[in-house]
Amino acid sequence: MNGTTPFRVGLTGTVAAGKSMVARNLAERGATVIDSDELAREIVRPGSPAYARIREAFGEGVIAPDGTLDRSALREAAFADKRSRERLEEISHAGIRELRARRISEAAAAGVRVIVEEIPLLFEVGLEDDYDMIVVVDAPREVREARALGSRGWTAEEFAAIDAAQLAASEKRRRADRVLDNRGDPGELDIATRGLWREILRAAVGSGS
């Protein structure tokens, strides 16, 4: 360990607002990105403890023919009611926290300057005090719904259930240090992300990271 303390940015936002695009843009500019969705996929590989618990909790209907988790079926089952969603979160979050901590430790040991952690439920699971800066990506609901139905293939019901399960957009914006409004095209978001990256670097220098 070389003693480096990375400047940690929590990247979150509303459903289908464009968090992943912002994360990619920041990675291209030099940030080390930790994606909670990737961590979630890693901890539920066949044979893992979380995989076994999900299979037991939700049944064979969430298992794909190749033995991996059918994420679409699992999403539908988990968002059927509040208790099911809480059950999935309970299974997943402990494993994700452990793996995230390992990745952060590895990045610090490598002398990484800035870590961006993409976490859809950052506020909902009480992680906001872990970060030096919190960035929320948002867009009007109708824009996000069109994206979810178009590029992700969700149904309107799936989008509504997932959107309703998260903290209100207005509250996320209120708690954020920075808000990126992604109602426009990718070029506009790239320009906004470029400005955000400059802010992050200034803040990282100011913090001594």
C-alpha atoms as a PDB file:
ATOM      1  CA  MET A   1       0.000   0.000   0.000  1.00  0.00           C
ATOM      2  CA  ASN A   2       1.485   3.326  -1.003  1.00  0.00           C
ATOM      3  CA  GLY A   3      -0.695   5.504   1.240  1.00  0.00           C
ATOM      4  CA  THR A   4      -2.691   7.095  -1.575  1.00  0.00           C
ATOM      5  CA  THR A   5      -6.266   7.956  -0.666  1.00  0.00           C
ATOM      6  CA  PRO A   6      -8.346   8.167  -3.860  1.00  0.00           C
ATOM      7  CA  PHE A   7     -10.937  10.892  -4.285  1.00  0.00           C
ATOM      8  CA  ARG A   8     -14.217   8.960  -4.327  1.00  0.00           C
ATOM      9  CA  VAL A   9     -17.147  10.054  -6.474  1.00  0.00           C
ATOM     10  CA  GLY A  10     -20.536   8.417  -6.000  1.00  0.00           C
ATOM     11  CA  LEU A  11     -22.333   8.393  -9.349  1.00  0.00           C
ATOM     12  CA  THR A  12     -26.061   7.744  -9.169  1.00  0.00           C
ATOM     13  CA  GLY A  13     -29.300   9.006 -10.631  1.00  0.00           C
ATOM     14  CA  THR A  14     -32.724   8.055 -11.842  1.00  0.00           C
ATOM     15  CA  VAL A  15     -33.630   4.983 -13.887  1.00  0.00           C
ATOM     16  CA  ALA A  16     -32.440   5.161 -17.533  1.00  0.00           C
ATOM     17  CA  ALA A  17     -31.063   8.674 -17.075  1.00  0.00           C
ATOM     18  CA  GLY A  18     -27.639   7.825 -18.497  1.00  0.00           C
ATOM     19  CA  LYS A  19     -25.376   6.996 -15.533  1.00  0.00           C
ATOM     20  CA  SER A  20     -23.448   4.394 -17.496  1.00  0.00           C
ATOM     21  CA  MET A  21     -22.739   6.823 -20.330  1.00  0.00           C
ATOM     22  CA  VAL A  22     -21.391   9.356 -17.845  1.00  0.00           C
ATOM     23  CA  ALA A  23     -19.266   6.630 -16.251  1.00  0.00           C
ATOM     24  CA  ARG A  24     -17.793   5.690 -19.650  1.00  0.00           C
ATOM     25  CA  ASN A  25     -17.048   9.329 -20.424  1.00  0.00           C
ATOM     26  CA  LEU A  26     -15.273   9.763 -17.096  1.00  0.00           C
ATOM     27  CA  ALA A  27     -13.309   6.540 -17.598  1.00  0.00           C
ATOM     28  CA  GLU A  28     -12.097   7.858 -20.953  1.00  0.00           C
ATOM     29  CA  ARG A  29     -10.798  10.935 -19.152  1.00  0.00           C
ATOM     30  CA  GLY A  30      -8.838   8.940 -16.588  1.00  0.00           C
ATOM     31  CA  ALA A  31     -11.197   7.923 -13.797  1.00  0.00           C
ATOM     32  CA  THR A  32     -11.153   4.409 -12.401  1.00  0.00           C
ATOM     33  CA  VAL A  33     -14.782   3.270 -12.519  1.00  0.00           C
ATOM     34  CA  ILE A  34     -16.346   0.656 -10.266  1.00  0.00           C
ATOM     35  CA  ASP A  35     -19.760  -0.399 -11.596  1.00  0.00           C
ATOM     36  CA  SER A  36     -22.120  -1.856  -9.002  1.00  0.00           C
ATOM     37  CA  ASP A  37     -24.069  -3.705 -11.702  1.00  0.00           C
ATOM     38  CA  GLU A  38     -20.874  -5.492 -12.751  1.00  0.00           C
ATOM     39  CA  LEU A  39     -20.144  -6.338  -9.131  1.00  0.00           C
ATOM     40  CA  ALA A  40     -23.695  -7.648  -8.783  1.00  0.00           C
ATOM     41  CA  ARG A  41     -23.205  -9.902 -11.807  1.00  0.00           C
ATOM     42  CA  GLU A  42     -19.893 -11.158 -10.452  1.00  0.00           C
ATOM     43  CA  ILE A  43     -21.221 -12.147  -7.032  1.00  0.00           C
ATOM     44  CA  VAL A  44     -24.116 -14.191  -8.500  1.00  0.00           C
ATOM     45  CA  ARG A  45     -22.119 -16.400 -10.829  1.00  0.00           C
ATOM     46  CA  PRO A  46     -23.221 -20.043 -10.661  1.00  0.00           C
ATOM     47  CA  GLY A  47     -21.702 -21.705  -7.641  1.00  0.00           C
ATOM     48  CA  SER A  48     -21.486 -18.538  -5.542  1.00  0.00           C
ATOM     49  CA  PRO A  49     -23.262 -18.249  -2.175  1.00  0.00           C
ATOM     50  CA  ALA A  50     -25.460 -15.394  -3.442  1.00  0.00           C
ATOM     51  CA  TYR A  51     -26.498 -17.434  -6.497  1.00  0.00           C
ATOM     52  CA  ALA A  52     -27.586 -20.319  -4.268  1.00  0.00           C
ATOM     53  CA  ARG A  53     -29.580 -18.024  -1.989  1.00  0.00           C
ATOM     54  CA  ILE A  54     -31.334 -16.321  -4.916  1.00  0.00           C
ATOM     55  CA  ARG A  55     -32.209 -19.675  -6.449  1.00  0.00           C
ATOM     56  CA  GLU A  56     -33.639 -20.850  -3.162  1.00  0.00           C
ATOM     57  CA  ALA A  57     -35.583 -17.611  -2.581  1.00  0.00           C
ATOM     58  CA  PHE A  58     -37.015 -17.077  -6.065  1.00  0.00           C
ATOM     59  CA  GLY A  59     -37.110 -20.567  -7.560  1.00  0.00           C
ATOM     60  CA  GLU A  60     -36.097 -22.145 -10.855  1.00  0.00           C
ATOM     61  CA  GLY A  61     -38.005 -19.518 -12.837  1.00  0.00           C
ATOM     62  CA  VAL A  62     -35.124 -17.062 -12.446  1.00  0.00           C
ATOM     63  CA  ILE A  63     -32.541 -19.521 -13.783  1.00  0.00           C
ATOM     64  CA  ALA A  64     -31.714 -19.412 -17.513  1.00  0.00           C
ATOM     65  CA  PRO A  65     -31.273 -22.621 -19.561  1.00  0.00           C
ATOM     66  CA  ASP A  66     -27.481 -22.252 -19.366  1.00  0.00           C
ATOM     67  CA  GLY A  67     -27.615 -22.218 -15.552  1.00  0.00           C
ATOM     68  CA  THR A  68     -26.907 -18.508 -15.104  1.00  0.00           C
ATOM     69  CA  LEU A  69     -29.371 -16.075 -13.588  1.00  0.00           C
ATOM     70  CA  ASP A  70     -32.081 -14.824 -15.922  1.00  0.00           C
ATOM     71  CA  ARG A  71     -31.788 -11.166 -14.949  1.00  0.00           C
ATOM     72  CA  SER A  72     -35.023 -10.153 -16.658  1.00  0.00           C
ATOM     73  CA  ALA A  73     -36.991 -12.862 -14.857  1.00  0.00           C
ATOM     74  CA  LEU A  74     -35.282 -12.006 -11.567  1.00  0.00           C
ATOM     75  CA  ARG A  75     -36.090  -8.317 -11.992  1.00  0.00           C
ATOM     76  CA  GLU A  76     -39.740  -9.173 -12.624  1.00  0.00           C
ATOM     77  CA  ALA A  77     -39.885 -11.467  -9.600  1.00  0.00           C
ATOM     78  CA  ALA A  78     -38.048  -9.077  -7.298  1.00  0.00           C
ATOM     79  CA  PHE A  79     -40.201  -6.088  -8.157  1.00  0.00           C
ATOM     80  CA  ALA A  80     -43.456  -7.983  -7.790  1.00  0.00           C
ATOM     81  CA  ASP A  81     -43.752  -6.670  -4.238  1.00  0.00           C
ATOM     82  CA  LYS A  82     -41.758  -4.814  -1.612  1.00  0.00           C
ATOM     83  CA  ARG A  83     -40.836  -7.909   0.392  1.00  0.00           C
ATOM     84  CA  SER A  84     -39.395  -9.666  -2.670  1.00  0.00           C
ATOM     85  CA  ARG A  85     -37.323  -6.608  -3.552  1.00  0.00           C
ATOM     86  CA  GLU A  86     -36.007  -6.328  -0.001  1.00  0.00           C
ATOM     87  CA  ARG A  87     -35.128 -10.020  -0.030  1.00  0.00           C
ATOM     88  CA  LEU A  88     -33.035  -9.659  -3.181  1.00  0.00           C
ATOM     89  CA  GLU A  89     -31.333  -6.535  -1.838  1.00  0.00           C
ATOM     90  CA  GLU A  90     -30.523  -8.308   1.415  1.00  0.00           C
ATOM     91  CA  ILE A  91     -28.863 -11.162  -0.489  1.00  0.00           C
ATOM     92  CA  SER A  92     -26.955  -8.929  -2.889  1.00  0.00           C
ATOM     93  CA  HIS A  93     -25.754  -5.968  -0.880  1.00  0.00           C
ATOM     94  CA  ALA A  94     -23.426  -7.751   1.523  1.00  0.00           C
ATOM     95  CA  GLY A  95     -21.524  -9.426  -1.310  1.00  0.00           C
ATOM     96  CA  ILE A  96     -21.357  -6.230  -3.330  1.00  0.00           C
ATOM     97  CA  ARG A  97     -20.024  -4.244  -0.362  1.00  0.00           C
ATOM     98  CA  GLU A  98     -17.271  -6.775   0.232  1.00  0.00           C
ATOM     99  CA  LEU A  99     -16.219  -6.858  -3.425  1.00  0.00           C
ATOM    100  CA  ARG A 100     -16.366  -3.056  -3.738  1.00  0.00           C
ATOM    101  CA  ALA A 101     -14.119  -2.649  -0.692  1.00  0.00           C
ATOM    102  CA  ARG A 102     -11.613  -5.035  -2.263  1.00  0.00           C
ATOM    103  CA  ARG A 103     -11.596  -3.084  -5.545  1.00  0.00           C
ATOM    104  CA  ILE A 104     -11.128   0.236  -3.733  1.00  0.00           C
ATOM    105  CA  SER A 105      -8.228  -1.179  -1.732  1.00  0.00           C
ATOM    106  CA  GLU A 106      -6.592  -2.465  -4.927  1.00  0.00           C
ATOM    107  CA  ALA A 107      -7.039   0.928  -6.620  1.00  0.00           C
ATOM    108  CA  ALA A 108      -5.533   2.758  -3.646  1.00  0.00           C
ATOM    109  CA  ALA A 109      -2.561   0.388  -3.633  1.00  0.00           C
ATOM    110  CA  ALA A 110      -2.023   1.131  -7.329  1.00  0.00           C
ATOM    111  CA  GLY A 111      -1.971   4.873  -6.685  1.00  0.00           C
ATOM    112  CA  VAL A 112      -5.285   5.642  -8.401  1.00  0.00           C
ATOM    113  CA  ARG A 113      -6.217   9.300  -8.021  1.00  0.00           C
ATOM    114  CA  VAL A 114      -9.972   9.289  -8.691  1.00  0.00           C
ATOM    115  CA  ILE A 115     -12.484   6.469  -8.255  1.00  0.00           C
ATOM    116  CA  VAL A 116     -16.005   6.837  -9.675  1.00  0.00           C
ATOM    117  CA  GLU A 117     -18.445   4.357  -8.203  1.00  0.00           C
ATOM    118  CA  GLU A 118     -21.605   3.889 -10.264  1.00  0.00           C
ATOM    119  CA  ILE A 119     -24.322   2.940  -7.752  1.00  0.00           C
ATOM    120  CA  PRO A 120     -28.010   3.129  -8.788  1.00  0.00           C
ATOM    121  CA  LEU A 121     -29.274   2.842  -5.188  1.00  0.00           C
ATOM    122  CA  LEU A 122     -26.617   4.955  -3.499  1.00  0.00           C
ATOM    123  CA  PHE A 123     -29.077   6.981  -1.401  1.00  0.00           C
ATOM    124  CA  GLU A 124     -31.511   4.138  -0.872  1.00  0.00           C
ATOM    125  CA  VAL A 125     -28.907   1.943   0.837  1.00  0.00           C
ATOM    126  CA  GLY A 126     -27.401   4.778   2.876  1.00  0.00           C
ATOM    127  CA  LEU A 127     -23.997   5.174   1.234  1.00  0.00           C
ATOM    128  CA  GLU A 128     -23.945   8.928   0.736  1.00  0.00           C
ATOM    129  CA  ASP A 129     -21.492   9.589   3.592  1.00  0.00           C
ATOM    130  CA  ASP A 130     -18.878   7.366   1.905  1.00  0.00           C
ATOM    131  CA  TYR A 131     -18.075   9.841  -0.873  1.00  0.00           C
ATOM    132  CA  ASP A 132     -16.168  13.052  -1.398  1.00  0.00           C
ATOM    133  CA  MET A 133     -18.607  14.080  -4.115  1.00  0.00           C
ATOM    134  CA  ILE A 134     -22.009  12.762  -5.202  1.00  0.00           C
ATOM    135  CA  VAL A 135     -23.139  13.211  -8.793  1.00  0.00           C
ATOM    136  CA  VAL A 136     -26.742  12.610  -9.841  1.00  0.00           C
ATOM    137  CA  VAL A 137     -27.657  12.041 -13.486  1.00  0.00           C
ATOM    138  CA  ASP A 138     -31.290  12.846 -14.238  1.00  0.00           C
ATOM    139  CA  ALA A 139     -33.701  13.444 -17.099  1.00  0.00           C
ATOM    140  CA  PRO A 140     -37.463  14.012 -17.362  1.00  0.00           C
ATOM    141  CA  ARG A 141     -39.498  10.900 -16.656  1.00  0.00           C
ATOM    142  CA  GLU A 142     -40.932  10.670 -20.169  1.00  0.00           C
ATOM    143  CA  VAL A 143     -37.434  10.778 -21.658  1.00  0.00           C
ATOM    144  CA  ARG A 144     -36.203   8.044 -19.329  1.00  0.00           C
ATOM    145  CA  GLU A 145     -39.222   5.860 -19.979  1.00  0.00           C
ATOM    146  CA  ALA A 146     -38.746   6.128 -23.750  1.00  0.00           C
ATOM    147  CA  ARG A 147     -35.098   5.098 -23.363  1.00  0.00           C
ATOM    148  CA  ALA A 148     -35.947   2.150 -21.115  1.00  0.00           C
ATOM    149  CA  LEU A 149     -38.615   0.848 -23.468  1.00  0.00           C
ATOM    150  CA  GLY A 150     -36.522   1.473 -26.575  1.00  0.00           C
ATOM    151  CA  SER A 151     -32.939   0.521 -25.795  1.00  0.00           C
ATOM    152  CA  ARG A 152     -33.509  -1.822 -22.844  1.00  0.00           C
ATOM    153  CA  GLY A 153     -36.653  -3.550 -24.053  1.00  0.00           C
ATOM    154  CA  TRP A 154     -38.492  -3.029 -20.781  1.00  0.00           C
ATOM    155  CA  THR A 155     -42.254  -2.835 -20.582  1.00  0.00           C
ATOM    156  CA  ALA A 156     -43.938   0.313 -19.290  1.00  0.00           C
ATOM    157  CA  GLU A 157     -44.942  -1.653 -16.194  1.00  0.00           C
ATOM    158  CA  GLU A 158     -41.355  -2.723 -15.498  1.00  0.00           C
ATOM    159  CA  PHE A 159     -40.113   0.842 -15.837  1.00  0.00           C
ATOM    160  CA  ALA A 160     -42.866   2.199 -13.575  1.00  0.00           C
ATOM    161  CA  ALA A 161     -42.182  -0.409 -10.873  1.00  0.00           C
ATOM    162  CA  ILE A 162     -38.423   0.189 -10.816  1.00  0.00           C
ATOM    163  CA  ASP A 163     -38.793   3.961 -10.974  1.00  0.00           C
ATOM    164  CA  ALA A 164     -41.329   3.960  -8.125  1.00  0.00           C
ATOM    165  CA  ALA A 165     -39.080   1.787  -5.951  1.00  0.00           C
ATOM    166  CA  GLN A 166     -36.313   4.402  -5.965  1.00  0.00           C
ATOM    167  CA  LEU A 167     -36.008   7.679  -4.110  1.00  0.00           C
ATOM    168  CA  ALA A 168     -37.809  10.526  -5.872  1.00  0.00           C
ATOM    169  CA  ALA A 169     -35.783  12.390  -8.489  1.00  0.00           C
ATOM    170  CA  SER A 170     -36.303  15.691  -6.692  1.00  0.00           C
ATOM    171  CA  GLU A 171     -34.831  14.265  -3.483  1.00  0.00           C
ATOM    172  CA  LYS A 172     -31.834  12.776  -5.298  1.00  0.00           C
ATOM    173  CA  ARG A 173     -31.139  16.124  -6.924  1.00  0.00           C
ATOM    174  CA  ARG A 174     -31.427  17.888  -3.567  1.00  0.00           C
ATOM    175  CA  ARG A 175     -28.846  15.610  -1.955  1.00  0.00           C
ATOM    176  CA  ALA A 176     -26.363  15.748  -4.833  1.00  0.00           C
ATOM    177  CA  ASP A 177     -23.212  17.848  -4.988  1.00  0.00           C
ATOM    178  CA  ARG A 178     -23.533  17.987  -8.780  1.00  0.00           C
ATOM    179  CA  VAL A 179     -26.472  17.249 -11.116  1.00  0.00           C
ATOM    180  CA  LEU A 180     -26.127  16.380 -14.804  1.00  0.00           C
ATOM    181  CA  ASP A 181     -29.348  16.823 -16.774  1.00  0.00           C
ATOM    182  CA  ASN A 182     -29.295  14.313 -19.622  1.00  0.00           C
ATOM    183  CA  ARG A 183     -32.373  15.194 -21.607  1.00  0.00           C
ATOM    184  CA  GLY A 184     -30.359  16.004 -24.736  1.00  0.00           C
ATOM    185  CA  ASP A 185     -28.114  14.079 -27.109  1.00  0.00           C
ATOM    186  CA  PRO A 186     -24.839  12.267 -26.332  1.00  0.00           C
ATOM    187  CA  GLY A 187     -22.781  15.222 -27.528  1.00  0.00           C
ATOM    188  CA  GLU A 188     -24.360  17.518 -24.973  1.00  0.00           C
ATOM    189  CA  LEU A 189     -23.784  14.966 -22.234  1.00  0.00           C
ATOM    190  CA  ASP A 190     -20.138  14.629 -23.273  1.00  0.00           C
ATOM    191  CA  ILE A 191     -19.645  18.385 -22.938  1.00  0.00           C
ATOM    192  CA  ALA A 192     -21.312  18.365 -19.513  1.00  0.00           C
ATOM    193  CA  THR A 193     -19.166  15.415 -18.412  1.00  0.00           C
ATOM    194  CA  ARG A 194     -16.021  17.191 -19.555  1.00  0.00           C
ATOM    195  CA  GLY A 195     -16.890  20.087 -17.249  1.00  0.00           C
ATOM    196  CA  LEU A 196     -17.686  17.679 -14.440  1.00  0.00           C
ATOM    197  CA  TRP A 197     -14.301  15.991 -14.829  1.00  0.00           C
ATOM    198  CA  ARG A 198     -12.536  19.332 -14.468  1.00  0.00           C
ATOM    199  CA  GLU A 199     -14.503  19.954 -11.273  1.00  0.00           C
ATOM    200  CA  ILE A 200     -13.605  16.521  -9.916  1.00  0.00           C
ATOM    201  CA  LEU A 201      -9.904  17.058 -10.569  1.00  0.00           C
ATOM    202  CA  ARG A 202      -9.973  20.476  -8.863  1.00  0.00           C
ATOM    203  CA  ALA A 203     -11.788  19.005  -5.875  1.00  0.00           C
ATOM    204  CA  ALA A 204      -9.385  16.050  -5.699  1.00  0.00           C
ATOM    205  CA  VAL A 205      -6.410  18.417  -5.615  1.00  0.00           C
ATOM    206  CA  GLY A 206      -8.101  20.545  -2.967  1.00  0.00           C
ATOM    207  CA  SER A 207      -8.776  17.511  -0.807  1.00  0.00           C
ATOM    208  CA  GLY A 208      -5.167  16.374  -1.010  1.00  0.00           C
ATOM    209  CA  SER A 209      -6.033  13.108  -2.767  1.00  0.00           C
END
